[in-house]
C-alpha atoms as a PDB file:
ATOM      1  CA  MET A   1     122.072 160.607 108.413  1.00  0.00           C
ATOM      2  CA  LYS A   2     120.725 158.848 111.512  1.00  0.00           C
ATOM      3  CA  SER A   3     118.520 160.921 113.801  1.00  0.00           C
ATOM      4  CA  ILE A   4     118.132 160.919 117.573  1.00  0.00           C
ATOM      5  CA  LEU A   5     115.482 162.428 119.842  1.00  0.00           C
ATOM      6  CA  PHE A   6     116.715 163.252 123.350  1.00  0.00           C
ATOM      7  CA  ILE A   7     113.990 163.732 125.969  1.00  0.00           C
ATOM      8  CA  ASP A   8     114.363 165.215 129.442  1.00  0.00           C
ATOM      9  CA  ASP A   9     112.297 167.605 131.512  1.00  0.00           C
ATOM     10  CA  GLU A  10     115.406 169.398 132.809  1.00  0.00           C
ATOM     11  CA  PRO A  11     116.681 171.953 130.269  1.00  0.00           C
ATOM     12  CA  PHE A  12     120.191 172.001 131.762  1.00  0.00           C
ATOM     13  CA  VAL A  13     120.502 168.249 131.100  1.00  0.00           C
ATOM     14  CA  LEU A  14     119.426 168.749 127.481  1.00  0.00           C
ATOM     15  CA  ASN A  15     121.867 171.649 127.118  1.00  0.00           C
ATOM     16  CA  SER A  16     124.686 169.410 128.272  1.00  0.00           C
ATOM     17  CA  VAL A  17     123.717 166.783 125.688  1.00  0.00           C
ATOM     18  CA  LYS A  18     123.436 169.498 123.011  1.00  0.00           C
ATOM     19  CA  ARG A  19     127.027 170.543 123.698  1.00  0.00           C
ATOM     20  CA  MET A  20     128.196 166.951 123.364  1.00  0.00           C
ATOM     21  CA  MET A  21     126.224 166.416 120.163  1.00  0.00           C
ATOM     22  CA  ARG A  22     127.708 169.490 118.447  1.00  0.00           C
ATOM     23  CA  LYS A  23     130.900 167.462 118.051  1.00  0.00           C
ATOM     24  CA  GLU A  24     128.875 164.665 116.419  1.00  0.00           C
ATOM     25  CA  ARG A  25     126.815 166.786 114.027  1.00  0.00           C
ATOM     26  CA  ASN A  26     128.510 165.259 110.982  1.00  0.00           C
ATOM     27  CA  ARG A  27     127.531 161.744 112.150  1.00  0.00           C
ATOM     28  CA  TRP A  28     124.078 162.137 113.692  1.00  0.00           C
ATOM     29  CA  GLU A  29     121.183 164.578 113.604  1.00  0.00           C
ATOM     30  CA  ALA A  30     120.110 165.461 117.161  1.00  0.00           C
ATOM     31  CA  HIS A  31     116.709 166.764 118.234  1.00  0.00           C
ATOM     32  CA  PHE A  32     115.566 167.667 121.725  1.00  0.00           C
ATOM     33  CA  ALA A  33     112.265 167.618 123.601  1.00  0.00           C
ATOM     34  CA  VAL A  34     111.653 169.192 126.984  1.00  0.00           C
ATOM     35  CA  GLY A  35     109.455 166.549 128.595  1.00  0.00           C
ATOM     36  CA  GLY A  36     107.381 163.611 127.462  1.00  0.00           C
ATOM     37  CA  GLU A  37     104.457 165.653 126.168  1.00  0.00           C
ATOM     38  CA  GLU A  38     106.630 167.597 123.752  1.00  0.00           C
ATOM     39  CA  ALA A  39     108.369 164.361 122.737  1.00  0.00           C
ATOM     40  CA  LEU A  40     105.091 162.687 121.787  1.00  0.00           C
ATOM     41  CA  GLU A  41     104.107 165.743 119.730  1.00  0.00           C
ATOM     42  CA  ILE A  42     107.436 165.623 117.878  1.00  0.00           C
ATOM     43  CA  LEU A  43     107.180 161.850 117.364  1.00  0.00           C
ATOM     44  CA  ASP A  44     103.735 162.333 115.856  1.00  0.00           C
ATOM     45  CA  LYS A  45     105.285 164.538 113.146  1.00  0.00           C
ATOM     46  CA  ARG A  46     108.491 162.702 112.245  1.00  0.00           C
ATOM     47  CA  SER A  47     110.439 159.505 112.628  1.00  0.00           C
ATOM     48  CA  PHE A  48     113.742 158.923 114.405  1.00  0.00           C
ATOM     49  CA  ASP A  49     116.254 156.110 114.451  1.00  0.00           C
ATOM     50  CA  LEU A  50     116.785 156.356 118.208  1.00  0.00           C
ATOM     51  CA  VAL A  51     115.064 157.831 121.243  1.00  0.00           C
ATOM     52  CA  VAL A  52     116.935 158.571 124.473  1.00  0.00           C
ATOM     53  CA  THR A  53     114.496 159.363 127.266  1.00  0.00           C
ATOM     54  CA  ASP A  54     114.672 160.243 130.921  1.00  0.00           C
ATOM     55  CA  MET A  55     112.375 158.095 133.052  1.00  0.00           C
ATOM     56  CA  LYS A  56     111.132 160.486 135.711  1.00  0.00           C
ATOM     57  CA  MET A  57     109.211 163.355 134.132  1.00  0.00           C
ATOM     58  CA  PRO A  58     105.908 164.981 135.080  1.00  0.00           C
ATOM     59  CA  ILE A  59     102.668 164.332 133.160  1.00  0.00           C
ATOM     60  CA  VAL A  60     104.152 162.017 130.479  1.00  0.00           C
ATOM     61  CA  ASP A  61     106.977 159.968 131.955  1.00  0.00           C
ATOM     62  CA  GLY A  62     109.659 157.930 130.233  1.00  0.00           C
ATOM     63  CA  ILE A  63     107.683 154.693 130.530  1.00  0.00           C
ATOM     64  CA  GLN A  64     104.815 156.248 128.565  1.00  0.00           C
ATOM     65  CA  VAL A  65     107.263 157.466 125.913  1.00  0.00           C
ATOM     66  CA  LEU A  66     108.865 154.011 125.654  1.00  0.00           C
ATOM     67  CA  VAL A  67     105.491 152.250 125.419  1.00  0.00           C
ATOM     68  CA  THR A  68     104.380 154.641 122.675  1.00  0.00           C
ATOM     69  CA  CYS A  69     107.609 154.126 120.758  1.00  0.00           C
ATOM     70  CA  GLU A  70     107.428 150.354 121.111  1.00  0.00           C
ATOM     71  CA  ASN A  71     103.821 150.250 119.900  1.00  0.00           C
ATOM     72  CA  LEU A  72     103.864 152.892 117.158  1.00  0.00           C
ATOM     73  CA  TYR A  73     107.510 152.943 116.083  1.00  0.00           C
ATOM     74  CA  PRO A  74     108.910 149.428 116.647  1.00  0.00           C
ATOM     75  CA  HIS A  75     111.823 150.100 114.249  1.00  0.00           C
ATOM     76  CA  MET A  76     113.119 152.833 116.572  1.00  0.00           C
ATOM     77  CA  SER A  77     115.862 151.953 119.051  1.00  0.00           C
ATOM     78  CA  ARG A  78     115.138 153.053 122.604  1.00  0.00           C
ATOM     79  CA  ILE A  79     117.498 154.038 125.427  1.00  0.00           C
ATOM     80  CA  ALA A  80     116.230 154.742 128.942  1.00  0.00           C
ATOM     81  CA  LEU A  81     118.161 157.192 131.077  1.00  0.00           C
ATOM     82  CA  SER A  82     117.442 157.409 134.780  1.00  0.00           C
ATOM     83  CA  GLY A  83     118.851 159.117 137.833  1.00  0.00           C
ATOM     84  CA  TYR A  84     116.906 157.026 140.292  1.00  0.00           C
ATOM     85  CA  SER A  85     116.611 153.309 140.657  1.00  0.00           C
ATOM     86  CA  GLU A  86     113.090 152.483 141.729  1.00  0.00           C
ATOM     87  CA  LYS A  87     113.127 148.740 141.060  1.00  0.00           C
ATOM     88  CA  GLU A  88     109.693 148.435 139.427  1.00  0.00           C
ATOM     89  CA  THR A  89     110.262 151.357 137.058  1.00  0.00           C
ATOM     90  CA  GLN A  90     113.745 150.139 136.207  1.00  0.00           C
ATOM     91  CA  ALA A  91     112.410 146.648 135.464  1.00  0.00           C
ATOM     92  CA  ARG A  92     109.706 148.046 133.160  1.00  0.00           C
ATOM     93  CA  ALA A  93     112.172 150.350 131.425  1.00  0.00           C
ATOM     94  CA  THR A  94     114.586 147.466 130.895  1.00  0.00           C
ATOM     95  CA  ARG A  95     111.832 145.483 129.158  1.00  0.00           C
ATOM     96  CA  LEU A  96     110.810 148.425 126.959  1.00  0.00           C
ATOM     97  CA  ALA A  97     114.230 149.858 126.123  1.00  0.00           C
ATOM     98  CA  HIS A  98     117.120 148.359 124.218  1.00  0.00           C
ATOM     99  CA  ASP A  99     119.571 149.931 126.654  1.00  0.00           C
ATOM    100  CA  PHE A 100     119.500 151.478 130.134  1.00  0.00           C
ATOM    101  CA  LEU A 101     121.933 154.156 131.339  1.00  0.00           C
ATOM    102  CA  TYR A 102     122.190 155.710 134.784  1.00  0.00           C
ATOM    103  CA  LYS A 103     122.301 159.463 135.361  1.00  0.00           C
ATOM    104  CA  PRO A 104     124.615 161.144 135.671  1.00  0.00           C
ATOM    105  CA  CYS A 105     125.922 159.600 132.487  1.00  0.00           C
ATOM    106  CA  ASP A 106     129.223 160.881 131.193  1.00  0.00           C
ATOM    107  CA  SER A 107     129.543 161.783 127.536  1.00  0.00           C
ATOM    108  CA  LYS A 108     131.848 158.841 126.808  1.00  0.00           C
ATOM    109  CA  ASP A 109     129.242 156.300 128.003  1.00  0.00           C
ATOM    110  CA  LEU A 110     126.417 158.060 126.172  1.00  0.00           C
ATOM    111  CA  ARG A 111     128.443 158.311 122.955  1.00  0.00           C
ATOM    112  CA  SER A 112     129.321 154.608 123.230  1.00  0.00           C
ATOM    113  CA  ALA A 113     125.633 153.679 123.615  1.00  0.00           C
ATOM    114  CA  LEU A 114     124.714 155.829 120.609  1.00  0.00           C
ATOM    115  CA  GLU A 115     127.414 154.149 118.534  1.00  0.00           C
ATOM    116  CA  ASN A 116     126.168 150.712 119.600  1.00  0.00           C
ATOM    117  CA  HIS A 117     122.668 151.503 118.386  1.00  0.00           C
ATOM    118  CA  LEU A 118     123.391 153.698 115.367  1.00  0.00           C
ATOM    119  CA  GLY A 119     126.861 152.828 114.194  1.00  0.00           C
ATOM    120  CA  ASP A 120     128.885 155.414 112.316  1.00  0.00           C
END
């Protein structure tokens, strides 16, 4: 089963994704990290097929997560998710991620991106 790590510093965003992923539990294994620091700790312990990370987080931001994944886990697909469009950050994220989604992102768009990167 393919596994996904969702990263966001806002618990209510992660809870929304958790609800969506319950319907997909027979297709994909979902894991969740509250913030970039927790994500890096989880990534140090296990591998994932896909990472979906928010860009704007305190201490360890999405760019740092994407750089780490690109350098240490090049096999892992990467999706950047952002609610703001600071041009420099967006440009860097676009170079580091395989896909870029804007927040708010409805479940249909997120599910479609997951399918594109993971298949069934």
